[in-house]
C-alpha cells in the first residue's frame, strides 16, 4: 500500500483536506484516552476560518507541512514540523487508512528534512494514543506534560525526543 502513497510538501490548496484528516483522526480517538470535550477542543469541526488559518500556516517560514496522498491525490495523512523548535507539531492519518505505513512515511520525511537542516533531534508532545507509535519509531519518553488547546483548555501528553544525527 505505501508504494502507492506519495509524501510531498503541502500546498495552500491542501488546507481543507488537511484539516479534514486531522478532524477525522482526532474524533476517532478512544474516549478512554480523552473525554469528548477535549477531543472537541483539540480539533473542532472544519470551518472556513480554520481552513484559511491552515492555508496561511502552510506558508509560514518556520513551518514545514507534508501530506501523504494516494494515486487520486486524496490526502490520507498530514504532518507539521516546526523548524526552529525541532518539533513535530502534528501527525495525523485518516482513520480509514491507519496501520498502512502512512504515519511512518510522513515521519521519515520530516526526519530527512530536519537532518538536512542540521537538526540534532526531534521532539513532540505526543498524545496518549500515539505514544506507542513514537516509541516504535525510536522516540524516548522524557516527561508527562500538558498540551494547551486552542480554547485554552489542556490535555495530557508525553514529551518525547529522538536523536537524528
Protein backbone atom coordinates (compact mmCIF):
# COMPACT_ATOMS: atom_id res chain seq x y z
CA UNK A 1 0.00 0.00 0.00
CA UNK A 2 2.71 2.54 0.89
CA UNK A 3 4.22 2.23 -2.61
CA UNK A 4 1.07 3.89 -3.92
CA UNK A 5 1.39 6.74 -1.42
CA UNK A 6 3.24 9.94 -2.26
CA UNK A 7 4.56 12.18 0.52
CA UNK A 8 5.04 15.75 -0.63
CA UNK A 9 5.23 19.28 0.70
CA UNK A 10 1.76 20.62 1.41
CA UNK A 11 0.32 23.46 -0.63
CA UNK A 12 -2.18 26.10 0.46
CA UNK A 13 -4.94 24.40 -1.52
CA UNK A 14 -4.42 21.25 0.62
CA UNK A 15 -5.60 23.08 3.76
CA UNK A 16 -9.23 21.90 3.65
CA UNK A 17 -8.20 18.26 3.17
CA UNK A 18 -5.53 18.54 5.86
CA UNK A 19 -7.94 19.88 8.45
CA UNK A 20 -10.49 17.21 7.50
CA UNK A 21 -7.91 14.44 8.06
CA UNK A 22 -6.96 15.98 11.41
CA UNK A 23 -10.62 16.20 12.46
CA UNK A 24 -11.38 12.60 11.48
CA UNK A 25 -8.26 11.31 13.21
CA UNK A 26 -8.89 13.19 16.46
CA UNK A 27 -12.57 12.32 16.59
CA UNK A 28 -11.73 8.62 16.15
CA UNK A 29 -9.57 8.56 19.30
CA UNK A 30 -10.96 6.37 22.06
CA UNK A 31 -12.92 8.25 24.72
CA UNK A 32 -10.89 6.18 27.20
CA UNK A 33 -7.85 8.31 26.32
CA UNK A 34 -9.59 11.69 26.23
CA UNK A 35 -13.12 12.86 27.05
CA UNK A 36 -15.31 14.21 24.25
CA UNK A 37 -14.86 17.84 25.36
CA UNK A 38 -11.07 17.51 24.99
CA UNK A 39 -11.41 15.96 21.52
CA UNK A 40 -13.77 18.79 20.50
CA UNK A 41 -11.36 21.46 21.76
CA UNK A 42 -8.39 19.68 20.20
CA UNK A 43 -9.97 19.55 16.76
CA UNK A 44 -13.23 21.44 16.24
CA UNK A 45 -15.30 20.80 13.12
CA UNK A 46 -13.66 22.21 9.98
CA UNK A 47 -14.86 25.66 9.01
CA UNK A 48 -13.81 28.47 6.66
CA UNK A 49 -11.81 30.30 9.34
CA UNK A 50 -9.77 27.21 10.28
CA UNK A 51 -9.16 26.33 6.63
CA UNK A 52 -7.83 29.85 5.95
CA UNK A 53 -5.64 29.66 9.07
CA UNK A 54 -4.14 26.34 7.85
CA UNK A 55 -3.57 27.74 4.34
CA UNK A 56 -1.60 30.64 5.86
CA UNK A 57 0.20 28.32 8.30
CA UNK A 58 1.47 26.14 5.43
CA UNK A 59 3.34 29.18 4.06
CA UNK A 60 4.96 30.16 7.38
CA UNK A 61 8.77 30.22 7.02
CA UNK A 62 9.28 28.27 10.29
CA UNK A 63 6.80 25.55 9.34
CA UNK A 64 7.18 22.60 7.01
CA UNK A 65 3.96 20.75 6.24
CA UNK A 66 3.67 17.45 4.40
CA UNK A 67 0.76 15.47 3.04
CA UNK A 68 0.51 11.82 2.06
CA UNK A 69 -1.71 11.30 -0.95
CA UNK A 70 -2.93 8.32 -2.94
CA UNK A 71 -2.92 7.94 -6.75
CA UNK A 72 -6.03 10.11 -6.96
CA UNK A 73 -4.31 12.89 -4.94
CA UNK A 74 -6.62 12.33 -1.98
CA UNK A 75 -4.94 13.49 1.25
CA UNK A 76 -4.66 10.50 3.62
CA UNK A 77 -2.18 11.91 6.15
CA UNK A 78 -0.67 15.19 7.30
CA UNK A 79 2.43 16.16 9.26
CA UNK A 80 3.68 19.51 10.54
CA UNK A 81 7.26 20.27 11.60
CA UNK A 82 8.37 23.46 13.38
CA UNK A 83 11.89 24.10 12.11
CA UNK A 84 13.39 26.36 14.80
CA UNK A 85 11.94 24.26 17.63
CA UNK A 86 12.95 20.93 16.00
CA UNK A 87 9.41 19.91 16.90
CA UNK A 88 6.84 17.70 15.24
CA UNK A 89 3.74 19.79 15.84
CA UNK A 90 1.33 17.20 14.48
CA UNK A 91 1.00 13.98 12.53
CA UNK A 92 -2.41 12.60 11.59
CA UNK A 93 -3.61 9.78 9.36
CA UNK A 94 -7.17 9.35 8.14
CA UNK A 95 -8.55 6.53 10.34
CA UNK A 96 -9.72 4.61 7.25
CA UNK A 97 -6.06 4.36 6.19
CA UNK A 98 -4.33 3.79 9.51
CA UNK A 99 -1.82 0.97 10.02
CA UNK A 100 -0.73 1.13 6.38
CA UNK A 101 2.64 2.84 6.96
CA UNK A 102 1.46 6.36 6.12
CA UNK A 103 2.40 7.84 9.51
CA UNK A 104 5.84 6.21 9.31
CA UNK A 105 6.41 7.62 5.83
CA UNK A 106 5.43 11.12 6.93
CA UNK A 107 7.69 10.89 9.97
CA UNK A 108 10.62 9.71 7.82
CA UNK A 109 10.03 12.68 5.52
CA UNK A 110 10.26 15.04 8.49
CA UNK A 111 13.40 13.30 9.73
CA UNK A 112 15.11 13.70 6.34
CA UNK A 113 14.16 17.38 6.20
CA UNK A 114 15.30 18.00 9.78
CA UNK A 115 18.59 16.25 9.07
CA UNK A 116 19.18 18.48 6.03
CA UNK A 117 18.52 21.48 8.30
CA UNK A 118 21.20 20.07 10.65
CA UNK A 119 18.79 19.39 13.50
CA UNK A 120 20.28 17.05 16.09
CA UNK A 121 16.98 15.79 17.47
CA UNK A 122 13.24 15.84 17.07
CA UNK A 123 10.71 16.35 19.83
CA UNK A 124 6.98 16.01 20.14
CA UNK A 125 4.24 16.37 22.72
CA UNK A 126 2.67 13.01 21.93
CA UNK A 127 -0.98 12.36 22.65
CA UNK A 128 -1.69 9.35 24.86
CA UNK A 129 -2.94 7.29 21.92
CA UNK A 130 0.24 7.90 19.87
CA UNK A 131 2.97 7.10 22.42
CA UNK A 132 3.49 3.52 21.23
CA UNK A 133 3.83 4.70 17.60
CA UNK A 134 6.57 7.16 18.52
CA UNK A 135 8.33 4.60 20.75
CA UNK A 136 8.34 2.19 17.80
CA UNK A 137 9.85 4.95 15.67
CA UNK A 138 12.75 5.43 18.10
CA UNK A 139 11.49 8.23 20.35
CA UNK A 140 12.18 8.20 24.09
CA UNK A 141 9.71 9.33 26.74
CA UNK A 142 11.09 12.32 28.63
CA UNK A 143 8.23 13.53 30.85
CA UNK A 144 4.49 13.90 31.18
CA UNK A 145 3.24 17.33 30.06
CA UNK A 146 0.08 19.30 29.39
CA UNK A 147 -0.74 20.35 25.84
CA UNK A 148 -2.59 23.66 25.64
CA UNK A 149 -5.50 23.54 23.21
CA UNK A 150 -6.87 26.37 21.06
CA UNK A 151 -9.64 27.20 23.54
CA UNK A 152 -7.18 27.43 26.46
CA UNK A 153 -8.02 24.06 27.99
CA UNK A 154 -5.34 21.38 28.35
CA UNK A 155 -4.89 17.71 27.63
CA UNK A 156 -2.46 15.10 28.93
CA UNK A 157 0.53 14.41 26.67
CA UNK A 158 4.04 12.97 26.83
CA UNK A 159 7.11 14.92 25.78
CA UNK A 160 9.30 12.63 23.65
CA UNK A 161 12.63 13.05 21.83
CA UNK A 162 14.63 11.26 19.17
CA UNK A 163 18.23 11.89 18.14
CA UNK A 164 18.59 12.09 14.38
CA UNK A 165 22.32 12.70 13.87
